[in-house]
C-alpha cells in the first residue's frame, strides 16, 4: 500500500500545477497504524515533489488506542506532523461499547494527556451526539471534558445509520433503536450554546474552533479550492473536474504496480458547481455570496434569490450585505434548505 501511495504521488505531482501546499492531511482510514518509517517515506516523497508553505498544517488522523506515548514521541521527533485529529467519539465507556469502538474512555483521556505532554498543542477531536447510549448529561460531560483539556478544535457529528452496515441491519430488525431526532436536535442546540459560551466559533455545521484555530485543510474544501487526494477511494478536485480512485485496496495496489492510477473522472456542469457551492458555503461562517452566484452561475441567480428569501422571512437564514448564512435554528435544517436551493 505504501509503495502504491508513493507511486501515485509521483504520477500526480503536476495535478496542483506547482501551487505550494498549505496543508497535508493523512486520513480517511487509520494512517496511525503505519509505523514511523512508513510515514517518513510518505512525507519525504511529498516534500520532494511539492513545495510546502512555511508553517503548513500537517495533520494525522488517529485512533486513541494507536497513540501510545512512544508513537507520539516518534511522530513528534521524526515526522513533520504538527496537528492530530483524534477519533475520541465519547468519554463514556457505554457510548464507546455501543459504537463498537476499540478504545475505551481511559484510552481517550490518556492519549490526549500524552499528546499534550509530547508537545502536540494543535489537536482536534471527533465527538458523536444523538446515539442511544448518549444521554443529555453524558453529552454535556463529553463537551466539558474537551473544554478542560483545552482542545482548540472540535468536530461534532450526529449519529447516522448508513445502509449496508450492521447497525442498519440491527435497527431494521428492532434489535437497536433508530436515531431519536428530537434528542439529536436537542443535543445539537446544546452544543451550539455551550461552545459559544466556551469561546468557540461555530464556523461550519459540524466544526467549532477557538479563534484563529480553524482547520485550514477542511476549510479549503468548503471554500471550493483545488485539492489532491492520494490512495484508495481518494477524491481530487481541480476547480472544474472531480475524480476519485477505486476503493478496492488490492486492485489499487495492482494498478499502481503498473504505474496506472485507477480513477474515474467527472466534469462538473455549471448546475453541479452551483449546487456544490450552495451546499458547502451555506454550512459555513463565510456564507453564500449572492454576488459570486451572479458572477459564476448567473443563470441561477434569480432562482437562488427567490428561494432563499423564504428562509430569510422564516428566520432560518440571515442576510448581511448580500451574504446569506444559516441562523442558529436554520442549522438544524441545513440539508433541507440547501436542497431547496439546488437546481436540477
Protein backbone atom coordinates (compact mmCIF):
# COMPACT_ATOMS: atom_id res chain seq x y z
CA UNK A 1 0.00 0.00 0.00
CA UNK A 2 2.76 2.45 0.92
CA UNK A 3 4.57 1.65 -2.35
CA UNK A 4 1.35 2.34 -4.27
CA UNK A 5 0.86 5.67 -2.49
CA UNK A 6 4.44 6.70 -3.23
CA UNK A 7 4.00 5.83 -6.90
CA UNK A 8 0.71 7.71 -7.17
CA UNK A 9 2.30 10.78 -5.58
CA UNK A 10 4.87 10.78 -8.36
CA UNK A 11 2.31 10.24 -11.12
CA UNK A 12 0.09 13.04 -9.75
CA UNK A 13 2.82 15.56 -8.97
CA UNK A 14 1.56 18.07 -11.58
CA UNK A 15 -2.12 17.91 -10.58
CA UNK A 16 -1.93 21.09 -8.46
CA UNK A 17 0.20 22.90 -11.05
CA UNK A 18 3.03 23.70 -8.67
CA UNK A 19 0.93 25.65 -6.18
CA UNK A 20 2.61 25.44 -2.72
CA UNK A 21 0.74 23.24 -0.26
CA UNK A 22 -0.87 24.98 2.70
CA UNK A 23 -1.97 21.69 4.26
CA UNK A 24 -1.46 17.94 4.14
CA UNK A 25 -3.94 15.54 5.72
CA UNK A 26 -3.31 11.82 6.26
CA UNK A 27 -6.70 10.33 6.98
CA UNK A 28 -9.75 8.72 5.53
CA UNK A 29 -8.66 5.49 7.18
CA UNK A 30 -6.30 4.79 10.03
CA UNK A 31 -2.84 6.02 8.98
CA UNK A 32 -1.75 5.86 12.63
CA UNK A 33 -1.42 2.09 12.06
CA UNK A 34 1.59 2.77 9.83
CA UNK A 35 4.97 2.66 11.55
CA UNK A 36 7.16 5.73 11.66
CA UNK A 37 9.47 4.61 8.87
CA UNK A 38 6.47 4.23 6.53
CA UNK A 39 5.10 7.64 7.46
CA UNK A 40 8.53 9.19 6.93
CA UNK A 41 8.67 7.68 3.43
CA UNK A 42 5.33 9.28 2.55
CA UNK A 43 6.23 12.69 3.94
CA UNK A 44 9.65 12.62 2.28
CA UNK A 45 8.03 11.88 -1.07
CA UNK A 46 5.51 14.71 -0.60
CA UNK A 47 8.18 17.25 0.30
CA UNK A 48 10.36 16.05 -2.57
CA UNK A 49 7.58 16.59 -5.12
CA UNK A 50 5.82 19.67 -3.70
CA UNK A 51 6.73 22.92 -2.06
CA UNK A 52 5.13 23.30 1.36
CA UNK A 53 4.21 26.70 2.70
CA UNK A 54 6.03 27.83 5.82
CA UNK A 55 4.07 26.53 8.82
CA UNK A 56 1.86 24.33 6.61
CA UNK A 57 -0.79 22.44 8.57
CA UNK A 58 0.13 18.74 8.54
CA UNK A 59 -2.50 16.53 10.15
CA UNK A 60 -2.52 12.85 11.03
CA UNK A 61 -5.82 11.11 11.74
CA UNK A 62 -5.56 8.59 14.56
CA UNK A 63 -7.50 6.38 16.93
CA UNK A 64 -6.81 6.89 20.65
CA UNK A 65 -5.60 3.31 21.12
CA UNK A 66 -2.92 3.81 18.44
CA UNK A 67 -1.39 6.86 20.11
CA UNK A 68 0.92 5.31 22.64
CA UNK A 69 3.47 7.58 24.34
CA UNK A 70 6.19 6.01 22.18
CA UNK A 71 4.24 6.56 18.94
CA UNK A 72 3.58 10.16 19.88
CA UNK A 73 7.27 10.81 20.59
CA UNK A 74 8.23 9.30 17.24
CA UNK A 75 5.61 11.36 15.40
CA UNK A 76 6.82 14.50 17.14
CA UNK A 77 10.54 13.86 16.62
CA UNK A 78 10.73 12.21 13.19
CA UNK A 79 7.79 13.47 11.11
CA UNK A 80 6.51 16.93 10.15
CA UNK A 81 3.10 16.19 11.71
CA UNK A 82 2.03 19.25 13.71
CA UNK A 83 -1.67 18.50 14.16
CA UNK A 84 -3.54 15.41 15.35
CA UNK A 85 -7.14 14.53 14.52
CA UNK A 86 -8.22 12.01 17.14
CA UNK A 87 -11.36 9.88 16.87
CA UNK A 88 -12.38 10.12 20.52
CA UNK A 89 -16.17 9.92 19.81
CA UNK A 90 -17.03 9.92 23.53
CA UNK A 91 -15.52 9.87 27.02
CA UNK A 92 -18.08 7.27 28.12
CA UNK A 93 -17.39 3.52 28.07
CA UNK A 94 -21.10 2.84 27.50
CA UNK A 95 -21.09 5.06 24.40
CA UNK A 96 -17.89 3.55 23.04
CA UNK A 97 -19.08 0.00 23.57
CA UNK A 98 -22.35 0.77 21.78
CA UNK A 99 -20.37 2.30 18.88
CA UNK A 100 -18.17 -0.82 18.82
CA UNK A 101 -15.00 1.23 19.20
CA UNK A 102 -11.70 -0.48 20.00
CA UNK A 103 -10.73 2.10 22.63
CA UNK A 104 -12.28 2.91 25.98
CA UNK A 105 -12.71 6.13 27.94
CA UNK A 106 -9.36 5.65 29.69
CA UNK A 107 -7.60 5.41 26.29
CA UNK A 108 -9.38 8.57 25.15
CA UNK A 109 -8.19 10.60 28.11
CA UNK A 110 -4.70 9.10 28.19
CA UNK A 111 -3.98 9.83 24.52
CA UNK A 112 -4.98 13.49 24.95
CA UNK A 113 -2.82 13.85 28.05
CA UNK A 114 0.13 12.14 26.35
CA UNK A 115 -0.26 14.20 23.16
CA UNK A 116 -0.23 17.45 25.12
CA UNK A 117 2.78 16.35 27.18
CA UNK A 118 4.64 15.40 23.99
CA UNK A 119 4.18 18.87 22.55
CA UNK A 120 1.16 18.50 20.27
CA UNK A 121 -0.93 21.55 21.09
CA UNK A 122 -2.85 21.63 17.80
CA UNK A 123 -5.47 18.95 18.38
CA UNK A 124 -8.91 18.27 17.01
CA UNK A 125 -11.18 15.54 18.29
CA UNK A 126 -14.33 13.93 16.90
CA UNK A 127 -17.37 13.63 19.14
CA UNK A 128 -20.72 11.99 18.32
CA UNK A 129 -24.10 13.05 19.67
CA UNK A 130 -27.56 11.57 19.26
CA UNK A 131 -26.53 7.96 19.96
CA UNK A 132 -28.94 5.86 22.06
CA UNK A 133 -26.34 5.46 24.82
CA UNK A 134 -25.55 9.20 24.92
CA UNK A 135 -27.79 10.87 27.47
CA UNK A 136 -28.04 14.64 27.63
CA UNK A 137 -25.95 14.51 30.79
CA UNK A 138 -23.25 12.41 29.12
CA UNK A 139 -23.18 14.76 26.11
CA UNK A 140 -22.66 17.70 28.45
CA UNK A 141 -19.87 15.79 30.21
CA UNK A 142 -18.18 14.94 26.89
CA UNK A 143 -18.06 18.59 25.90
CA UNK A 144 -16.93 19.76 29.32
CA UNK A 145 -14.10 17.22 29.23
CA UNK A 146 -12.93 18.58 25.88
CA UNK A 147 -13.01 22.12 27.27
CA UNK A 148 -10.98 21.07 30.32
CA UNK A 149 -8.24 19.66 28.09
CA UNK A 150 -8.17 22.92 26.15
CA UNK A 151 -8.82 21.20 22.82
CA UNK A 152 -8.75 24.05 20.25
CA UNK A 153 -10.91 22.36 17.61
CA UNK A 154 -13.95 20.08 17.82
CA UNK A 155 -15.70 18.15 15.06
CA UNK A 156 -19.10 17.07 16.35
CA UNK A 157 -21.31 14.78 14.30
CA UNK A 158 -24.83 13.48 14.74
CA UNK A 159 -25.05 9.70 14.70
CA UNK A 160 -26.07 8.46 11.26
CA UNK A 161 -27.06 4.94 10.34
CA UNK A 162 -25.63 4.01 6.94
CA UNK A 163 -27.35 1.46 4.74
CA UNK A 164 -25.49 -1.82 4.50
CA UNK A 165 -23.93 -1.54 7.95
CA UNK A 166 -24.51 -3.94 10.82
CA UNK A 167 -26.20 -1.15 12.76
CA UNK A 168 -28.64 -0.52 9.90
CA UNK A 169 -29.49 -4.23 9.94
CA UNK A 170 -29.99 -4.29 13.72
CA UNK A 171 -32.26 -1.22 13.61
CA UNK A 172 -34.29 -2.81 10.81
CA UNK A 173 -34.80 -5.93 12.93
CA UNK A 174 -35.69 -3.93 16.03
CA UNK A 175 -32.54 -5.02 17.90
CA UNK A 176 -31.33 -1.43 18.16
CA UNK A 177 -33.40 1.77 18.39
CA UNK A 178 -33.47 4.22 15.48
CA UNK A 179 -31.95 7.68 15.87
CA UNK A 180 -34.10 9.85 18.11
CA UNK A 181 -34.28 13.02 16.02
CA UNK A 182 -35.75 15.12 18.82
CA UNK A 183 -32.92 14.13 21.13
CA UNK A 184 -30.30 14.74 18.42
CA UNK A 185 -31.72 18.23 17.77
CA UNK A 186 -31.73 18.99 21.49
CA UNK A 187 -28.10 17.92 21.86
CA UNK A 188 -27.08 19.92 18.79
CA UNK A 189 -28.73 23.05 20.19
CA UNK A 190 -26.91 22.47 23.49
CA UNK A 191 -23.67 22.02 21.55
CA UNK A 192 -24.11 25.40 19.84
CA UNK A 193 -24.87 27.14 23.10
CA UNK A 194 -22.06 25.79 25.30
CA UNK A 195 -19.33 26.00 22.68
CA UNK A 196 -20.19 29.68 22.19
CA UNK A 197 -20.03 30.21 25.96
CA UNK A 198 -16.62 28.49 25.98
CA UNK A 199 -15.28 30.84 23.30
CA UNK A 200 -15.53 28.57 20.25
CA UNK A 201 -16.59 29.85 16.85
CA UNK A 202 -19.13 27.71 15.02
CA UNK A 203 -17.54 28.11 11.60
CA UNK A 204 -19.08 25.08 9.85
CA UNK A 205 -22.12 22.97 10.74
CA UNK A 206 -20.05 20.25 12.44
CA UNK A 207 -16.91 22.22 13.32
CA UNK A 208 -16.06 24.51 16.22
CA UNK A 209 -12.77 26.27 16.82
CA UNK A 210 -11.18 28.70 19.21
CA UNK A 211 -10.30 32.00 17.49
CA UNK A 212 -7.59 31.53 14.87
CA UNK A 213 -7.73 27.72 15.10
CA UNK A 214 -9.90 26.86 12.10
CA UNK A 215 -8.82 23.70 10.22
CA UNK A 216 -7.01 25.00 7.15
CA UNK A 217 -7.35 21.71 5.31
CA UNK A 218 -11.08 21.28 5.75
CA UNK A 219 -11.68 24.97 5.09
CA UNK A 220 -10.15 24.55 1.64
CA UNK A 221 -12.88 22.02 0.78
CA UNK A 222 -15.65 24.32 1.94
CA UNK A 223 -14.18 27.27 0.06
CA UNK A 224 -14.00 25.28 -3.18
CA UNK A 225 -10.22 25.28 -3.53
CA UNK A 226 -8.47 22.55 -5.61
CA UNK A 227 -7.09 19.56 -3.70
CA UNK A 228 -5.33 16.31 -4.48
CA UNK A 229 -6.30 13.01 -2.86
CA UNK A 230 -3.94 10.01 -2.88
CA UNK A 231 -4.81 6.38 -2.11
CA UNK A 232 -7.82 4.05 -2.44
CA UNK A 233 -11.17 5.91 -2.61
CA UNK A 234 -9.38 9.28 -2.50
CA UNK A 235 -11.10 12.19 -4.24
CA UNK A 236 -9.44 15.12 -6.03
CA UNK A 237 -10.77 18.39 -7.42
CA UNK A 238 -9.07 20.80 -9.83
CA UNK A 239 -11.71 23.53 -9.78
CA UNK A 240 -13.85 22.11 -12.59
CA UNK A 241 -13.35 18.35 -12.60
CA UNK A 242 -13.74 15.82 -9.84
CA UNK A 243 -12.01 12.44 -9.85
CA UNK A 244 -11.91 9.51 -7.46
CA UNK A 245 -9.79 6.39 -7.12
CA UNK A 246 -11.25 2.92 -6.85
CA UNK A 247 -11.90 1.83 -3.28
CA UNK A 248 -10.60 -1.74 -3.62
CA UNK A 249 -7.18 -1.95 -1.95
CA UNK A 250 -5.98 -4.97 -3.90
CA UNK A 251 -6.91 -3.53 -7.28
CA UNK A 252 -5.42 -0.17 -6.32
CA UNK A 253 -2.07 -1.76 -5.42
CA UNK A 254 -2.05 -3.94 -8.54
CA UNK A 255 -2.78 -0.98 -10.81
CA UNK A 256 -0.07 1.22 -9.28
CA UNK A 257 2.49 -1.55 -9.75
CA UNK A 258 1.87 -0.95 -13.45
CA UNK A 259 2.10 2.83 -12.87
CA UNK A 260 -1.57 3.33 -13.74
CA UNK A 261 -3.85 5.38 -11.49
CA UNK A 262 -7.23 3.58 -11.27
CA UNK A 263 -9.64 6.52 -11.19
CA UNK A 264 -12.84 7.85 -12.71
CA UNK A 265 -13.39 11.49 -13.63
CA UNK A 266 -16.45 13.69 -13.88
CA UNK A 267 -16.56 17.14 -15.46
CA UNK A 268 -18.95 19.17 -13.36
CA UNK A 269 -21.66 21.12 -15.15
CA UNK A 270 -22.44 24.71 -14.19
CA UNK A 271 -25.51 23.45 -12.35
CA UNK A 272 -23.46 20.91 -10.38
CA UNK A 273 -20.88 23.53 -9.43
CA UNK A 274 -23.64 25.91 -8.35
CA UNK A 275 -25.25 23.19 -6.21
CA UNK A 276 -21.92 22.34 -4.59
CA UNK A 277 -21.20 25.99 -3.86
CA UNK A 278 -24.60 26.46 -2.22
CA UNK A 279 -24.30 23.20 -0.26
CA UNK A 280 -20.83 23.92 1.15
CA UNK A 281 -20.95 27.70 1.58
CA UNK A 282 -24.32 27.75 3.33
CA UNK A 283 -22.87 25.44 6.01
CA UNK A 284 -20.06 27.85 6.88
CA UNK A 285 -19.44 31.12 8.67
CA UNK A 286 -18.41 32.64 5.32
CA UNK A 287 -21.90 32.10 3.95
CA UNK A 288 -23.27 32.11 0.42
CA UNK A 289 -22.37 35.24 -1.55
CA UNK A 290 -25.09 36.35 -3.95
CA UNK A 291 -22.51 38.32 -5.95
CA UNK A 292 -20.45 35.17 -6.55
CA UNK A 293 -23.55 33.37 -7.78
CA UNK A 294 -24.23 36.23 -10.20
CA UNK A 295 -20.63 36.22 -11.44
CA UNK A 296 -20.04 32.47 -11.70
CA UNK A 297 -23.52 30.94 -12.06
CA UNK A 298 -25.52 33.89 -13.39
CA UNK A 299 -28.29 31.81 -14.90
CA UNK A 300 -29.25 30.57 -11.43
CA UNK A 301 -29.03 33.90 -9.57
CA UNK A 302 -32.76 34.62 -9.77
CA UNK A 303 -33.62 31.08 -8.68
CA UNK A 304 -31.34 31.45 -5.66
CA UNK A 305 -32.65 34.88 -4.69
CA UNK A 306 -36.27 33.76 -4.85
CA UNK A 307 -35.60 30.53 -2.99
CA UNK A 308 -33.52 31.94 -0.17
CA UNK A 309 -35.99 34.74 0.65
CA UNK A 310 -38.42 32.17 2.00
CA UNK A 311 -35.88 31.19 4.66
CA UNK A 312 -34.88 34.79 5.39
CA UNK A 313 -38.51 35.53 6.16
CA UNK A 314 -38.82 32.43 8.36
CA UNK A 315 -35.69 33.39 10.31
CA UNK A 316 -33.69 30.31 9.26
CA UNK A 317 -31.29 32.33 7.10
CA UNK A 318 -29.73 35.69 7.90
CA UNK A 319 -28.70 38.20 5.22
CA UNK A 320 -25.80 40.62 5.61
CA UNK A 321 -24.83 42.72 2.56
CA UNK A 322 -25.94 40.02 0.11
CA UNK A 323 -24.22 37.23 2.01
CA UNK A 324 -26.55 34.57 3.41
CA UNK A 325 -25.81 32.46 6.47
CA UNK A 326 -27.83 29.91 8.41
CA UNK A 327 -29.20 31.16 11.70
CA UNK A 328 -28.89 29.02 14.81
CA UNK A 329 -32.29 27.45 14.15
CA UNK A 330 -31.52 27.21 10.44
CA UNK A 331 -28.53 24.99 11.17
CA UNK A 332 -30.97 22.30 12.24
CA UNK A 333 -32.37 22.35 8.70
CA UNK A 334 -29.13 22.81 6.75
CA UNK A 335 -29.58 19.93 4.31
CA UNK A 336 -33.23 20.74 3.61
CA UNK A 337 -32.50 24.41 2.97
CA UNK A 338 -29.59 23.65 0.65
CA UNK A 339 -31.58 21.08 -1.33
CA UNK A 340 -34.44 23.55 -1.76
CA UNK A 341 -31.98 25.96 -3.38
CA UNK A 342 -30.48 23.37 -5.75
CA UNK A 343 -31.17 23.34 -9.49
CA UNK A 344 -31.58 20.12 -11.47
